[in-house]
Structure formats: structure tokens, C-alpha cells
Amino acid sequence: MADTRKKNADWSIKTNDDGTTPTPDAHLATLMDIRDELQRLNSLLHCSNFVAIPRKLDAIKRNTAKKRKTRRP
């Protein structure tokens, strides 16, 4: 079976003579916008700075923790 998804294609959106967009084409435009934003988020989530955030937060937590007071007998 051939792949018919037309992945990452820029589809043309039709407009009516009065400047409005037909509903199916408006849905298509919305889905294309969502696809673009998801691709952008996916690239950011794989960024080394983003991936390192948990380690940096753990280091900050360790470095800012209050020291335990020693009890005197």
C-alpha cells in the first residue's frame, strides 16, 4: 500500500469570491497551523538545553537546601 498522506505538503486553501474561506478549507488551514506548531515544539523538546533542565533543577535544589543543624549532647 502506497503512502498517500502527502507528509509535510503545503496545501492550497481556496477562498470564495467574497473573500471567505469554505469550511473544509478552513479546517485544513487550522490543521496545517497545528502541524507547524507541533513540529516546532518537537524540535524544541529535543534541544539539549531543554533536555538538561531537570538536571539543572536538581543541582539548584541540592545547592540551595538548608544545612542540617548538628545536635549538641
PDB file of N, CA and C in Angstrom:
ATOM      1  N   MET A   1       0.848  -1.184   0.000  1.00  0.00           N
ATOM      2  CA  MET A   1       0.000   0.000   0.000  1.00  0.00           C
ATOM      3  C   MET A   1       0.890   1.242   0.000  1.00  0.00           C
ATOM      4  N   ALA A   2       0.613   2.157  -0.885  1.00  0.00           N
ATOM      5  CA  ALA A   2       1.404   3.374  -1.011  1.00  0.00           C
ATOM      6  C   ALA A   2       1.029   4.371   0.082  1.00  0.00           C
ATOM      7  N   ASP A   3       1.992   5.188   0.462  1.00  0.00           N
ATOM      8  CA  ASP A   3       1.753   6.227   1.467  1.00  0.00           C
ATOM      9  C   ASP A   3       1.079   7.410   0.773  1.00  0.00           C
ATOM     10  N   THR A   4      -0.172   7.675   1.121  1.00  0.00           N
ATOM     11  CA  THR A   4      -0.931   8.733   0.453  1.00  0.00           C
ATOM     12  C   THR A   4      -1.148   9.945   1.353  1.00  0.00           C
ATOM     13  N   ARG A   5      -0.384  10.062   2.433  1.00  0.00           N
ATOM     14  CA  ARG A   5      -0.599  11.144   3.394  1.00  0.00           C
ATOM     15  C   ARG A   5      -0.108  12.496   2.905  1.00  0.00           C
ATOM     16  N   LYS A   6       0.795  12.515   1.959  1.00  0.00           N
ATOM     17  CA  LYS A   6       1.409  13.763   1.485  1.00  0.00           C
ATOM     18  C   LYS A   6       2.009  14.535   2.654  1.00  0.00           C
ATOM     19  N   LYS A   7       2.879  13.838   3.364  1.00  0.00           N
ATOM     20  CA  LYS A   7       3.503  14.371   4.576  1.00  0.00           C
ATOM     21  C   LYS A   7       4.248  15.674   4.296  1.00  0.00           C
ATOM     22  N   ASN A   8       4.022  16.670   5.164  1.00  0.00           N
ATOM     23  CA  ASN A   8       4.674  17.980   5.110  1.00  0.00           C
ATOM     24  C   ASN A   8       4.444  18.729   3.802  1.00  0.00           C
ATOM     25  N   ALA A   9       3.331  18.472   3.163  1.00  0.00           N
ATOM     26  CA  ALA A   9       2.999  19.205   1.937  1.00  0.00           C
ATOM     27  C   ALA A   9       2.308  20.513   2.301  1.00  0.00           C
ATOM     28  N   ASP A  10       2.527  21.535   1.516  1.00  0.00           N
ATOM     29  CA  ASP A  10       1.808  22.791   1.694  1.00  0.00           C
ATOM     30  C   ASP A  10       0.614  22.762   0.752  1.00  0.00           C
ATOM     31  N   TRP A  11      -0.560  22.658   1.318  1.00  0.00           N
ATOM     32  CA  TRP A  11      -1.772  22.530   0.533  1.00  0.00           C
ATOM     33  C   TRP A  11      -2.327  23.909   0.223  1.00  0.00           C
ATOM     34  N   SER A  12      -2.985  24.028  -0.898  1.00  0.00           N
ATOM     35  CA  SER A  12      -3.567  25.325  -1.251  1.00  0.00           C
ATOM     36  C   SER A  12      -4.965  25.437  -0.642  1.00  0.00           C
ATOM     37  N   ILE A  13      -5.232  26.592  -0.076  1.00  0.00           N
ATOM     38  CA  ILE A  13      -6.510  26.871   0.558  1.00  0.00           C
ATOM     39  C   ILE A  13      -7.322  27.741  -0.392  1.00  0.00           C
ATOM     40  N   LYS A  14      -8.532  27.322  -0.682  1.00  0.00           N
ATOM     41  CA  LYS A  14      -9.388  28.071  -1.599  1.00  0.00           C
ATOM     42  C   LYS A  14     -10.121  29.175  -0.839  1.00  0.00           C
ATOM     43  N   THR A  15     -10.389  30.257  -1.524  1.00  0.00           N
ATOM     44  CA  THR A  15     -11.224  31.320  -0.963  1.00  0.00           C
ATOM     45  C   THR A  15     -12.347  31.613  -1.944  1.00  0.00           C
ATOM     46  N   ASN A  16     -13.487  31.993  -1.403  1.00  0.00           N
ATOM     47  CA  ASN A  16     -14.640  32.335  -2.231  1.00  0.00           C
ATOM     48  C   ASN A  16     -14.448  33.724  -2.837  1.00  0.00           C
ATOM     49  N   ASP A  17     -15.325  34.064  -3.759  1.00  0.00           N
ATOM     50  CA  ASP A  17     -15.257  35.380  -4.409  1.00  0.00           C
ATOM     51  C   ASP A  17     -15.439  36.519  -3.413  1.00  0.00           C
ATOM     52  N   ASP A  18     -16.192  36.258  -2.333  1.00  0.00           N
ATOM     53  CA  ASP A  18     -16.429  37.322  -1.350  1.00  0.00           C
ATOM     54  C   ASP A  18     -15.330  37.389  -0.288  1.00  0.00           C
ATOM     55  N   GLY A  19     -14.287  36.608  -0.445  1.00  0.00           N
ATOM     56  CA  GLY A  19     -13.156  36.651   0.479  1.00  0.00           C
ATOM     57  C   GLY A  19     -13.237  35.674   1.631  1.00  0.00           C
ATOM     58  N   THR A  20     -14.336  34.947   1.756  1.00  0.00           N
ATOM     59  CA  THR A  20     -14.463  33.958   2.834  1.00  0.00           C
ATOM     60  C   THR A  20     -13.819  32.654   2.417  1.00  0.00           C
ATOM     61  N   THR A  21     -13.573  31.813   3.384  1.00  0.00           N
ATOM     62  CA  THR A  21     -12.955  30.513   3.138  1.00  0.00           C
ATOM     63  C   THR A  21     -13.993  29.429   3.390  1.00  0.00           C
ATOM     64  N   PRO A  22     -14.138  28.475   2.473  1.00  0.00           N
ATOM     65  CA  PRO A  22     -15.066  27.370   2.716  1.00  0.00           C
ATOM     66  C   PRO A  22     -14.655  26.588   3.972  1.00  0.00           C
ATOM     67  N   THR A  23     -15.635  26.032   4.662  1.00  0.00           N
ATOM     68  CA  THR A  23     -15.387  25.343   5.929  1.00  0.00           C
ATOM     69  C   THR A  23     -14.344  24.228   5.803  1.00  0.00           C
ATOM     70  N   PRO A  24     -14.420  23.335   4.821  1.00  0.00           N
ATOM     71  CA  PRO A  24     -13.388  22.282   4.742  1.00  0.00           C
ATOM     72  C   PRO A  24     -11.975  22.862   4.565  1.00  0.00           C
ATOM     73  N   ASP A  25     -11.861  23.943   3.808  1.00  0.00           N
ATOM     74  CA  ASP A  25     -10.545  24.557   3.621  1.00  0.00           C
ATOM     75  C   ASP A  25     -10.084  25.273   4.884  1.00  0.00           C
ATOM     76  N   ALA A  26     -11.014  25.834   5.638  1.00  0.00           N
ATOM     77  CA  ALA A  26     -10.653  26.452   6.918  1.00  0.00           C
ATOM     78  C   ALA A  26     -10.159  25.388   7.893  1.00  0.00           C
ATOM     79  N   HIS A  27     -10.805  24.226   7.892  1.00  0.00           N
ATOM     80  CA  HIS A  27     -10.340  23.116   8.738  1.00  0.00           C
ATOM     81  C   HIS A  27      -8.937  22.686   8.329  1.00  0.00           C
ATOM     82  N   LEU A  28      -8.706  22.604   7.036  1.00  0.00           N
ATOM     83  CA  LEU A  28      -7.388  22.223   6.530  1.00  0.00           C
ATOM     84  C   LEU A  28      -6.328  23.239   6.958  1.00  0.00           C
ATOM     85  N   ALA A  29      -6.659  24.523   6.867  1.00  0.00           N
ATOM     86  CA  ALA A  29      -5.704  25.562   7.265  1.00  0.00           C
ATOM     87  C   ALA A  29      -5.392  25.458   8.750  1.00  0.00           C
ATOM     88  N   THR A  30      -6.413  25.188   9.555  1.00  0.00           N
ATOM     89  CA  THR A  30      -6.198  25.035  11.001  1.00  0.00           C
ATOM     90  C   THR A  30      -5.309  23.841  11.289  1.00  0.00           C
ATOM     91  N   LEU A  31      -5.551  22.735  10.630  1.00  0.00           N
ATOM     92  CA  LEU A  31      -4.715  21.550  10.828  1.00  0.00           C
ATOM     93  C   LEU A  31      -3.275  21.795  10.384  1.00  0.00           C
ATOM     94  N   MET A  32      -3.092  22.551   9.317  1.00  0.00           N
ATOM     95  CA  MET A  32      -1.731  22.869   8.869  1.00  0.00           C
ATOM     96  C   MET A  32      -1.008  23.733   9.906  1.00  0.00           C
ATOM     97  N   ASP A  33      -1.732  24.683  10.516  1.00  0.00           N
ATOM     98  CA  ASP A  33      -1.134  25.507  11.572  1.00  0.00           C
ATOM     99  C   ASP A  33      -0.751  24.670  12.774  1.00  0.00           C
ATOM    100  N   ILE A  34      -1.635  23.754  13.153  1.00  0.00           N
ATOM    101  CA  ILE A  34      -1.338  22.864  14.288  1.00  0.00           C
ATOM    102  C   ILE A  34      -0.127  22.006  13.977  1.00  0.00           C
ATOM    103  N   ARG A  35      -0.046  21.504  12.743  1.00  0.00           N
ATOM    104  CA  ARG A  35       1.105  20.681  12.347  1.00  0.00           C
ATOM    105  C   ARG A  35       2.408  21.468  12.461  1.00  0.00           C
ATOM    106  N   ASP A  36       2.392  22.719  11.995  1.00  0.00           N
ATOM    107  CA  ASP A  36       3.595  23.547  12.067  1.00  0.00           C
ATOM    108  C   ASP A  36       4.022  23.780  13.515  1.00  0.00           C
ATOM    109  N   GLU A  37       3.053  24.065  14.394  1.00  0.00           N
ATOM    110  CA  GLU A  37       3.377  24.300  15.800  1.00  0.00           C
ATOM    111  C   GLU A  37       3.893  23.033  16.466  1.00  0.00           C
ATOM    112  N   LEU A  38       3.312  21.891  16.151  1.00  0.00           N
ATOM    113  CA  LEU A  38       3.782  20.631  16.726  1.00  0.00           C
ATOM    114  C   LEU A  38       5.196  20.303  16.264  1.00  0.00           C
ATOM    115  N   GLN A  39       5.501  20.589  15.008  1.00  0.00           N
ATOM    116  CA  GLN A  39       6.862  20.354  14.518  1.00  0.00           C
ATOM    117  C   GLN A  39       7.845  21.273  15.242  1.00  0.00           C
ATOM    118  N   ARG A  40       7.435  22.502  15.489  1.00  0.00           N
ATOM    119  CA  ARG A  40       8.299  23.446  16.212  1.00  0.00           C
ATOM    120  C   ARG A  40       8.523  22.984  17.652  1.00  0.00           C
ATOM    121  N   LEU A  41       7.448  22.569  18.314  1.00  0.00           N
ATOM    122  CA  LEU A  41       7.579  22.073  19.686  1.00  0.00           C
ATOM    123  C   LEU A  41       8.461  20.830  19.740  1.00  0.00           C
ATOM    124  N   ASN A  42       8.289  19.945  18.784  1.00  0.00           N
ATOM    125  CA  ASN A  42       9.086  18.722  18.756  1.00  0.00           C
ATOM    126  C   ASN A  42      10.570  19.047  18.617  1.00  0.00           C
ATOM    127  N   SER A  43      10.897  20.036  17.805  1.00  0.00           N
ATOM    128  CA  SER A  43      12.309  20.399  17.654  1.00  0.00           C
ATOM    129  C   SER A  43      12.846  21.027  18.941  1.00  0.00           C
ATOM    130  N   LEU A  44      12.010  21.784  19.641  1.00  0.00           N
ATOM    131  CA  LEU A  44      12.448  22.392  20.896  1.00  0.00           C
ATOM    132  C   LEU A  44      12.618  21.347  21.992  1.00  0.00           C
ATOM    133  N   LEU A  45      11.757  20.341  22.012  1.00  0.00           N
ATOM    134  CA  LEU A  45      11.823  19.319  23.050  1.00  0.00           C
ATOM    135  C   LEU A  45      13.070  18.448  22.916  1.00  0.00           C
ATOM    136  N   HIS A  46      13.641  18.404  21.745  1.00  0.00           N
ATOM    137  CA  HIS A  46      14.868  17.633  21.557  1.00  0.00           C
ATOM    138  C   HIS A  46      16.117  18.491  21.697  1.00  0.00           C
ATOM    139  N   CYS A  47      15.938  19.752  22.020  1.00  0.00           N
ATOM    140  CA  CYS A  47      17.051  20.669  22.205  1.00  0.00           C
ATOM    141  C   CYS A  47      17.828  20.274  23.468  1.00  0.00           C
ATOM    142  N   SER A  48      19.141  20.351  23.413  1.00  0.00           N
ATOM    143  CA  SER A  48      19.960  19.943  24.565  1.00  0.00           C
ATOM    144  C   SER A  48      19.714  20.826  25.778  1.00  0.00           C
ATOM    145  N   ASN A  49      19.425  22.109  25.567  1.00  0.00           N
ATOM    146  CA  ASN A  49      19.122  22.987  26.700  1.00  0.00           C
ATOM    147  C   ASN A  49      17.845  22.551  27.410  1.00  0.00           C
ATOM    148  N   PHE A  50      16.833  22.171  26.650  1.00  0.00           N
ATOM    149  CA  PHE A  50      15.567  21.744  27.249  1.00  0.00           C
ATOM    150  C   PHE A  50      15.737  20.423  27.981  1.00  0.00           C
ATOM    151  N   VAL A  51      16.460  19.505  27.384  1.00  0.00           N
ATOM    152  CA  VAL A  51      16.647  18.186  27.988  1.00  0.00           C
ATOM    153  C   VAL A  51      17.436  18.298  29.288  1.00  0.00           C
ATOM    154  N   ALA A  52      18.295  19.299  29.412  1.00  0.00           N
ATOM    155  CA  ALA A  52      19.138  19.456  30.603  1.00  0.00           C
ATOM    156  C   ALA A  52      18.420  20.129  31.767  1.00  0.00           C
ATOM    157  N   ILE A  53      17.215  20.624  31.573  1.00  0.00           N
ATOM    158  CA  ILE A  53      16.512  21.355  32.636  1.00  0.00           C
ATOM    159  C   ILE A  53      16.349  20.526  33.911  1.00  0.00           C
ATOM    160  N   PRO A  54      15.914  19.265  33.860  1.00  0.00           N
ATOM    161  CA  PRO A  54      15.770  18.510  35.115  1.00  0.00           C
ATOM    162  C   PRO A  54      17.079  18.394  35.897  1.00  0.00           C
ATOM    163  N   ARG A  55      18.182  18.175  35.218  1.00  0.00           N
ATOM    164  CA  ARG A  55      19.475  18.076  35.917  1.00  0.00           C
ATOM    165  C   ARG A  55      19.848  19.401  36.559  1.00  0.00           C
ATOM    166  N   LYS A  56      19.589  20.494  35.856  1.00  0.00           N
ATOM    167  CA  LYS A  56      19.901  21.814  36.412  1.00  0.00           C
ATOM    168  C   LYS A  56      19.029  22.116  37.620  1.00  0.00           C
ATOM    169  N   LEU A  57      17.755  21.749  37.561  1.00  0.00           N
ATOM    170  CA  LEU A  57      16.870  21.974  38.702  1.00  0.00           C
ATOM    171  C   LEU A  57      17.293  21.147  39.909  1.00  0.00           C
ATOM    172  N   ASP A  58      17.725  19.918  39.668  1.00  0.00           N
ATOM    173  CA  ASP A  58      18.217  19.081  40.771  1.00  0.00           C
ATOM    174  C   ASP A  58      19.469  19.688  41.401  1.00  0.00           C
ATOM    175  N   ALA A  59      20.358  20.222  40.575  1.00  0.00           N
ATOM    176  CA  ALA A  59      21.568  20.847  41.096  1.00  0.00           C
ATOM    177  C   ALA A  59      21.227  22.086  41.915  1.00  0.00           C
ATOM    178  N   ILE A  60      20.274  22.874  41.450  1.00  0.00           N
ATOM    179  CA  ILE A  60      19.855  24.055  42.204  1.00  0.00           C
ATOM    180  C   ILE A  60      19.250  23.638  43.536  1.00  0.00           C
ATOM    181  N   LYS A  61      18.447  22.595  43.523  1.00  0.00           N
ATOM    182  CA  LYS A  61      17.822  22.112  44.760  1.00  0.00           C
ATOM    183  C   LYS A  61      18.880  21.657  45.757  1.00  0.00           C
ATOM    184  N   ARG A  62      19.879  20.922  45.278  1.00  0.00           N
ATOM    185  CA  ARG A  62      20.949  20.456  46.175  1.00  0.00           C
ATOM    186  C   ARG A  62      21.757  21.622  46.735  1.00  0.00           C
ATOM    187  N   ASN A  63      22.029  22.613  45.892  1.00  0.00           N
ATOM    188  CA  ASN A  63      22.867  23.735  46.318  1.00  0.00           C
ATOM    189  C   ASN A  63      22.140  24.742  47.198  1.00  0.00           C
ATOM    190  N   THR A  64      20.836  24.726  47.186  1.00  0.00           N
ATOM    191  CA  THR A  64      20.091  25.696  47.986  1.00  0.00           C
ATOM    192  C   THR A  64      19.396  25.068  49.186  1.00  0.00           C
ATOM    193  N   ALA A  65      19.613  23.790  49.402  1.00  0.00           N
ATOM    194  CA  ALA A  65      18.988  23.116  50.541  1.00  0.00           C
ATOM    195  C   ALA A  65      19.612  23.628  51.840  1.00  0.00           C
ATOM    196  N   LYS A  66      18.767  23.758  52.862  1.00  0.00           N
ATOM    197  CA  LYS A  66      19.267  24.195  54.154  1.00  0.00           C
ATOM    198  C   LYS A  66      20.113  23.083  54.762  1.00  0.00           C
ATOM    199  N   LYS A  67      21.189  23.504  55.380  1.00  0.00           N
ATOM    200  CA  LYS A  67      22.072  22.533  56.044  1.00  0.00           C
ATOM    201  C   LYS A  67      21.428  22.083  57.344  1.00  0.00           C
ATOM    202  N   ARG A  68      21.595  20.831  57.660  1.00  0.00           N
ATOM    203  CA  ARG A  68      21.062  20.319  58.918  1.00  0.00           C
ATOM    204  C   ARG A  68      21.906  20.805  60.089  1.00  0.00           C
ATOM    205  N   LYS A  69      21.230  21.197  61.119  1.00  0.00           N
ATOM    206  CA  LYS A  69      21.952  21.624  62.315  1.00  0.00           C
ATOM    207  C   LYS A  69      22.371  20.385  63.101  1.00  0.00           C
ATOM    208  N   THR A  70      23.581  20.432  63.617  1.00  0.00           N
ATOM    209  CA  THR A  70      24.050  19.326  64.436  1.00  0.00           C
ATOM    210  C   THR A  70      23.524  19.483  65.850  1.00  0.00           C
ATOM    211  N   ARG A  71      23.069  18.402  66.423  1.00  0.00           N
ATOM    212  CA  ARG A  71      22.545  18.439  67.775  1.00  0.00           C
ATOM    213  C   ARG A  71      23.695  18.337  68.767  1.00  0.00           C
ATOM    214  N   ARG A  72      23.597  19.142  69.794  1.00  0.00           N
ATOM    215  CA  ARG A  72      24.606  19.066  70.839  1.00  0.00           C
ATOM    216  C   ARG A  72      24.091  18.173  71.947  1.00  0.00           C
ATOM    217  N   PRO A  73      24.967  17.290  72.431  1.00  0.00           N
ATOM    218  CA  PRO A  73      24.530  16.376  73.518  1.00  0.00           C
ATOM    219  C   PRO A  73      24.368  17.056  74.847  1.00  0.00           C
TER     220      PRO A  73
END
